[in-house]
């Protein structure tokens, strides 16, 4: 139940602007910009927390649908590295980010697909398929909206920073953060 409620809250708040674009200006008018951002963040974090708690509870009960072959591990690692680089590119203006069009959604897509390949449990399948579908649908929405940057960026200093920080985040995630935050060591 926590898992489903968390998914509902997380996806609802993250999709609200796209499903009902006229609603955001009304809420900003009523709550103010800070109130809107705070409410948005609170609902998103609550959804994430419930999702993580529910996922943890369901992990032990979830049936295994398939056992990923060992040869997929290098591919999963490369996809996660791409995810980390895309995530950093969503925070730092760069040619990499511009070429990815919407780097944060690409980070989610790489992350979800990598985890689909790495985990064969039913609860994992539900979680990562939903995230993958959500990211693909939002990316389609962005493409149809026609929003694009006016000038093309050339590869430069920020791109090197994106790569260095992306590799650093990936290393921290593999050797420390995944075990600490998720409870599953990767090395």
C-alpha atoms as a PDB file:
ATOM      1  CA  UNK A   1       0.000   0.000   0.000  1.00  0.00           C
ATOM      2  CA  UNK A   2       2.820   2.429   0.871  1.00  0.00           C
ATOM      3  CA  UNK A   3       4.535   1.593  -2.399  1.00  0.00           C
ATOM      4  CA  UNK A   4       1.440   2.337  -4.494  1.00  0.00           C
ATOM      5  CA  UNK A   5       0.660   5.537  -2.582  1.00  0.00           C
ATOM      6  CA  UNK A   6       4.258   6.704  -2.960  1.00  0.00           C
ATOM      7  CA  UNK A   7       4.209   6.035  -6.692  1.00  0.00           C
ATOM      8  CA  UNK A   8       0.902   7.862  -7.052  1.00  0.00           C
ATOM      9  CA  UNK A   9       2.081  10.962  -5.161  1.00  0.00           C
ATOM     10  CA  UNK A  10       5.484  11.073  -6.864  1.00  0.00           C
ATOM     11  CA  UNK A  11       4.188  10.679 -10.408  1.00  0.00           C
ATOM     12  CA  UNK A  12       1.157  12.900  -9.838  1.00  0.00           C
ATOM     13  CA  UNK A  13       3.148  15.881  -8.603  1.00  0.00           C
ATOM     14  CA  UNK A  14       5.816  15.430 -11.295  1.00  0.00           C
ATOM     15  CA  UNK A  15       3.232  15.121 -14.054  1.00  0.00           C
ATOM     16  CA  UNK A  16       0.781  17.798 -12.900  1.00  0.00           C
ATOM     17  CA  UNK A  17       2.397  20.575 -14.908  1.00  0.00           C
ATOM     18  CA  UNK A  18       2.123  18.505 -18.087  1.00  0.00           C
ATOM     19  CA  UNK A  19      -1.318  17.015 -17.533  1.00  0.00           C
ATOM     20  CA  UNK A  20      -2.939  20.274 -16.390  1.00  0.00           C
ATOM     21  CA  UNK A  21      -0.632  23.178 -17.335  1.00  0.00           C
ATOM     22  CA  UNK A  22      -3.284  25.764 -16.432  1.00  0.00           C
ATOM     23  CA  UNK A  23      -3.243  24.555 -12.820  1.00  0.00           C
ATOM     24  CA  UNK A  24       0.312  25.696 -11.968  1.00  0.00           C
ATOM     25  CA  UNK A  25      -0.301  29.445 -12.484  1.00  0.00           C
ATOM     26  CA  UNK A  26      -3.449  29.198 -10.359  1.00  0.00           C
ATOM     27  CA  UNK A  27      -1.576  27.427  -7.564  1.00  0.00           C
ATOM     28  CA  UNK A  28       1.344  29.868  -7.753  1.00  0.00           C
ATOM     29  CA  UNK A  29      -1.181  32.719  -7.559  1.00  0.00           C
ATOM     30  CA  UNK A  30      -2.828  31.186  -4.527  1.00  0.00           C
ATOM     31  CA  UNK A  31       0.278  29.881  -2.699  1.00  0.00           C
ATOM     32  CA  UNK A  32       2.954  32.247  -4.004  1.00  0.00           C
ATOM     33  CA  UNK A  33       6.113  31.042  -5.766  1.00  0.00           C
ATOM     34  CA  UNK A  34       7.757  29.852  -2.545  1.00  0.00           C
ATOM     35  CA  UNK A  35       4.554  28.153  -1.391  1.00  0.00           C
ATOM     36  CA  UNK A  36       4.199  26.367  -4.719  1.00  0.00           C
ATOM     37  CA  UNK A  37       7.822  25.178  -4.710  1.00  0.00           C
ATOM     38  CA  UNK A  38       7.610  24.112  -1.069  1.00  0.00           C
ATOM     39  CA  UNK A  39       4.344  22.210  -1.572  1.00  0.00           C
ATOM     40  CA  UNK A  40       5.686  20.582  -4.731  1.00  0.00           C
ATOM     41  CA  UNK A  41       8.898  19.526  -2.971  1.00  0.00           C
ATOM     42  CA  UNK A  42       7.052  18.267   0.104  1.00  0.00           C
ATOM     43  CA  UNK A  43       4.647  16.112  -1.928  1.00  0.00           C
ATOM     44  CA  UNK A  44       7.481  14.793  -4.118  1.00  0.00           C
ATOM     45  CA  UNK A  45       9.623  13.908  -1.089  1.00  0.00           C
ATOM     46  CA  UNK A  46       6.681  12.314   0.705  1.00  0.00           C
ATOM     47  CA  UNK A  47       5.936  10.251  -2.411  1.00  0.00           C
ATOM     48  CA  UNK A  48       9.592   9.251  -2.709  1.00  0.00           C
ATOM     49  CA  UNK A  49       9.809   8.293   0.986  1.00  0.00           C
ATOM     50  CA  UNK A  50       6.620   6.199   0.822  1.00  0.00           C
ATOM     51  CA  UNK A  51       7.804   4.578  -2.398  1.00  0.00           C
ATOM     52  CA  UNK A  52      11.177   3.650  -0.881  1.00  0.00           C
ATOM     53  CA  UNK A  53       9.615   2.337   2.348  1.00  0.00           C
ATOM     54  CA  UNK A  54       7.003   0.351   0.456  1.00  0.00           C
ATOM     55  CA  UNK A  55       9.595  -0.993  -1.973  1.00  0.00           C
ATOM     56  CA  UNK A  56      11.738  -2.140   0.946  1.00  0.00           C
ATOM     57  CA  UNK A  57       8.775  -3.956   2.496  1.00  0.00           C
ATOM     58  CA  UNK A  58       7.859  -5.651  -0.784  1.00  0.00           C
ATOM     59  CA  UNK A  59      11.419  -6.705  -1.706  1.00  0.00           C
ATOM     60  CA  UNK A  60      11.368  -9.755   0.582  1.00  0.00           C
ATOM     61  CA  UNK A  61       7.902 -10.807  -0.589  1.00  0.00           C
ATOM     62  CA  UNK A  62       8.384 -10.161  -4.288  1.00  0.00           C
ATOM     63  CA  UNK A  63       8.740 -13.201  -6.546  1.00  0.00           C
ATOM     64  CA  UNK A  64      11.756 -13.489  -8.800  1.00  0.00           C
ATOM     65  CA  UNK A  65      10.640 -13.454 -12.435  1.00  0.00           C
ATOM     66  CA  UNK A  66      14.082 -13.905 -13.986  1.00  0.00           C
ATOM     67  CA  UNK A  67      17.747 -14.097 -13.045  1.00  0.00           C
ATOM     68  CA  UNK A  68      19.805 -11.538 -14.975  1.00  0.00           C
ATOM     69  CA  UNK A  69      22.789 -13.107 -16.737  1.00  0.00           C
ATOM     70  CA  UNK A  70      26.241 -12.042 -15.537  1.00  0.00           C
ATOM     71  CA  UNK A  71      27.190 -10.742 -18.978  1.00  0.00           C
ATOM     72  CA  UNK A  72      24.699  -7.875 -18.499  1.00  0.00           C
ATOM     73  CA  UNK A  73      26.711  -6.346 -15.639  1.00  0.00           C
ATOM     74  CA  UNK A  74      29.089  -4.323 -17.837  1.00  0.00           C
ATOM     75  CA  UNK A  75      26.150  -2.993 -19.861  1.00  0.00           C
ATOM     76  CA  UNK A  76      24.290  -2.041 -16.678  1.00  0.00           C
ATOM     77  CA  UNK A  77      27.431  -0.288 -15.394  1.00  0.00           C
ATOM     78  CA  UNK A  78      27.775   1.708 -18.633  1.00  0.00           C
ATOM     79  CA  UNK A  79      24.108   2.683 -18.533  1.00  0.00           C
ATOM     80  CA  UNK A  80      24.457   3.851 -14.937  1.00  0.00           C
ATOM     81  CA  UNK A  81      27.551   5.870 -15.836  1.00  0.00           C
ATOM     82  CA  UNK A  82      25.549   7.495 -18.647  1.00  0.00           C
ATOM     83  CA  UNK A  83      22.747   8.143 -16.156  1.00  0.00           C
ATOM     84  CA  UNK A  84      25.106   9.906 -13.735  1.00  0.00           C
ATOM     85  CA  UNK A  85      26.632  12.022 -16.507  1.00  0.00           C
ATOM     86  CA  UNK A  86      23.162  12.974 -17.756  1.00  0.00           C
ATOM     87  CA  UNK A  87      22.083  13.828 -14.212  1.00  0.00           C
ATOM     88  CA  UNK A  88      25.060  16.155 -13.745  1.00  0.00           C
ATOM     89  CA  UNK A  89      24.416  17.628 -17.208  1.00  0.00           C
ATOM     90  CA  UNK A  90      20.911  18.547 -16.034  1.00  0.00           C
ATOM     91  CA  UNK A  91      22.490  20.779 -13.373  1.00  0.00           C
ATOM     92  CA  UNK A  92      25.328  22.400 -15.345  1.00  0.00           C
ATOM     93  CA  UNK A  93      24.746  24.195 -18.660  1.00  0.00           C
ATOM     94  CA  UNK A  94      26.770  22.265 -21.237  1.00  0.00           C
ATOM     95  CA  UNK A  95      26.843  20.981 -24.796  1.00  0.00           C
ATOM     96  CA  UNK A  96      26.318  17.486 -23.393  1.00  0.00           C
ATOM     97  CA  UNK A  97      23.115  18.597 -21.689  1.00  0.00           C
ATOM     98  CA  UNK A  98      21.947  20.431 -24.780  1.00  0.00           C
ATOM     99  CA  UNK A  99      22.529  17.391 -26.997  1.00  0.00           C
ATOM    100  CA  UNK A 100      20.613  15.206 -24.548  1.00  0.00           C
ATOM    101  CA  UNK A 101      17.675  17.659 -24.975  1.00  0.00           C
ATOM    102  CA  UNK A 102      16.316  16.901 -21.492  1.00  0.00           C
ATOM    103  CA  UNK A 103      19.221  15.378 -19.550  1.00  0.00           C
ATOM    104  CA  UNK A 104      17.286  14.701 -16.347  1.00  0.00           C
ATOM    105  CA  UNK A 105      14.699  12.592 -18.163  1.00  0.00           C
ATOM    106  CA  UNK A 106      17.488  10.795 -20.009  1.00  0.00           C
ATOM    107  CA  UNK A 107      19.154  10.103 -16.654  1.00  0.00           C
ATOM    108  CA  UNK A 108      15.904   8.533 -15.431  1.00  0.00           C
ATOM    109  CA  UNK A 109      15.572   6.463 -18.614  1.00  0.00           C
ATOM    110  CA  UNK A 110      19.146   5.127 -18.380  1.00  0.00           C
ATOM    111  CA  UNK A 111      18.672   4.433 -14.646  1.00  0.00           C
ATOM    112  CA  UNK A 112      15.350   2.631 -15.086  1.00  0.00           C
ATOM    113  CA  UNK A 113      16.491   0.520 -18.029  1.00  0.00           C
ATOM    114  CA  UNK A 114      19.735  -0.434 -16.264  1.00  0.00           C
ATOM    115  CA  UNK A 115      17.810  -1.542 -13.204  1.00  0.00           C
ATOM    116  CA  UNK A 116      15.322  -3.507 -15.313  1.00  0.00           C
ATOM    117  CA  UNK A 117      18.270  -5.445 -16.690  1.00  0.00           C
ATOM    118  CA  UNK A 118      19.858  -5.895 -13.257  1.00  0.00           C
ATOM    119  CA  UNK A 119      16.896  -7.026 -11.164  1.00  0.00           C
ATOM    120  CA  UNK A 120      14.422  -9.773 -11.905  1.00  0.00           C
ATOM    121  CA  UNK A 121      12.010  -9.237  -9.016  1.00  0.00           C
ATOM    122  CA  UNK A 122       8.384  -8.331  -9.707  1.00  0.00           C
ATOM    123  CA  UNK A 123       8.429  -5.231  -7.488  1.00  0.00           C
ATOM    124  CA  UNK A 124      11.552  -3.989  -9.310  1.00  0.00           C
ATOM    125  CA  UNK A 125       9.888  -4.618 -12.656  1.00  0.00           C
ATOM    126  CA  UNK A 126       6.854  -2.546 -11.606  1.00  0.00           C
ATOM    127  CA  UNK A 127       8.979   0.317 -10.264  1.00  0.00           C
ATOM    128  CA  UNK A 128      11.439   0.606 -13.121  1.00  0.00           C
ATOM    129  CA  UNK A 129       8.912   0.053 -15.929  1.00  0.00           C
ATOM    130  CA  UNK A 130       6.732   2.828 -14.466  1.00  0.00           C
ATOM    131  CA  UNK A 131       9.696   5.208 -14.250  1.00  0.00           C
ATOM    132  CA  UNK A 132      10.784   4.334 -17.785  1.00  0.00           C
ATOM    133  CA  UNK A 133       7.291   4.866 -19.217  1.00  0.00           C
ATOM    134  CA  UNK A 134       6.910   8.145 -17.294  1.00  0.00           C
ATOM    135  CA  UNK A 135      10.263   9.487 -18.552  1.00  0.00           C
ATOM    136  CA  UNK A 136       9.507   8.482 -22.150  1.00  0.00           C
ATOM    137  CA  UNK A 137       6.060  10.108 -22.053  1.00  0.00           C
ATOM    138  CA  UNK A 138       7.427  13.341 -20.587  1.00  0.00           C
ATOM    139  CA  UNK A 139      10.214  13.383 -23.176  1.00  0.00           C
ATOM    140  CA  UNK A 140       7.605  13.039 -25.930  1.00  0.00           C
ATOM    141  CA  UNK A 141       5.657  15.892 -24.332  1.00  0.00           C
ATOM    142  CA  UNK A 142       8.754  18.108 -24.312  1.00  0.00           C
ATOM    143  CA  UNK A 143       9.523  17.262 -27.929  1.00  0.00           C
ATOM    144  CA  UNK A 144       5.985  18.160 -29.012  1.00  0.00           C
ATOM    145  CA  UNK A 145       6.082  21.412 -27.046  1.00  0.00           C
ATOM    146  CA  UNK A 146       8.813  22.648 -29.408  1.00  0.00           C
ATOM    147  CA  UNK A 147      10.960  24.189 -26.657  1.00  0.00           C
ATOM    148  CA  UNK A 148      14.615  24.297 -27.640  1.00  0.00           C
ATOM    149  CA  UNK A 149      17.679  26.392 -26.937  1.00  0.00           C
ATOM    150  CA  UNK A 150      18.282  29.341 -29.279  1.00  0.00           C
ATOM    151  CA  UNK A 151      22.012  28.892 -29.748  1.00  0.00           C
ATOM    152  CA  UNK A 152      23.995  25.701 -29.983  1.00  0.00           C
ATOM    153  CA  UNK A 153      26.679  25.191 -27.368  1.00  0.00           C
ATOM    154  CA  UNK A 154      30.117  23.949 -28.305  1.00  0.00           C
ATOM    155  CA  UNK A 155      32.007  21.434 -26.216  1.00  0.00           C
ATOM    156  CA  UNK A 156      33.915  23.333 -23.564  1.00  0.00           C
ATOM    157  CA  UNK A 157      34.933  23.695 -19.937  1.00  0.00           C
ATOM    158  CA  UNK A 158      31.487  22.884 -18.535  1.00  0.00           C
ATOM    159  CA  UNK A 159      31.397  19.640 -20.511  1.00  0.00           C
ATOM    160  CA  UNK A 160      34.671  18.518 -18.952  1.00  0.00           C
ATOM    161  CA  UNK A 161      33.199  19.429 -15.568  1.00  0.00           C
ATOM    162  CA  UNK A 162      30.061  17.406 -16.352  1.00  0.00           C
ATOM    163  CA  UNK A 163      32.189  14.382 -17.282  1.00  0.00           C
ATOM    164  CA  UNK A 164      34.479  14.627 -14.244  1.00  0.00           C
ATOM    165  CA  UNK A 165      31.576  15.099 -11.830  1.00  0.00           C
ATOM    166  CA  UNK A 166      29.548  12.372 -13.583  1.00  0.00           C
ATOM    167  CA  UNK A 167      32.407   9.882 -13.258  1.00  0.00           C
ATOM    168  CA  UNK A 168      32.959  10.988  -9.648  1.00  0.00           C
ATOM    169  CA  UNK A 169      29.295  10.572  -8.763  1.00  0.00           C
ATOM    170  CA  UNK A 170      29.274   7.174 -10.443  1.00  0.00           C
ATOM    171  CA  UNK A 171      32.331   6.078  -8.443  1.00  0.00           C
ATOM    172  CA  UNK A 172      30.841   7.347  -5.182  1.00  0.00           C
ATOM    173  CA  UNK A 173      27.576   5.575  -5.971  1.00  0.00           C
ATOM    174  CA  UNK A 174      29.241   2.251  -6.808  1.00  0.00           C
ATOM    175  CA  UNK A 175      31.708   2.171  -3.920  1.00  0.00           C
ATOM    176  CA  UNK A 176      29.719   3.818  -1.146  1.00  0.00           C
ATOM    177  CA  UNK A 177      26.331   5.429  -1.729  1.00  0.00           C
ATOM    178  CA  UNK A 178      24.394   2.482  -3.203  1.00  0.00           C
ATOM    179  CA  UNK A 179      25.215   0.242  -0.233  1.00  0.00           C
ATOM    180  CA  UNK A 180      24.595   3.027   2.273  1.00  0.00           C
ATOM    181  CA  UNK A 181      21.332   4.362   0.815  1.00  0.00           C
ATOM    182  CA  UNK A 182      19.858   1.280  -0.860  1.00  0.00           C
ATOM    183  CA  UNK A 183      21.411  -1.473   1.240  1.00  0.00           C
ATOM    184  CA  UNK A 184      22.848  -3.360  -1.742  1.00  0.00           C
ATOM    185  CA  UNK A 185      26.638  -3.246  -2.205  1.00  0.00           C
ATOM    186  CA  UNK A 186      27.793  -3.118  -5.818  1.00  0.00           C
ATOM    187  CA  UNK A 187      31.422  -4.203  -5.474  1.00  0.00           C
END
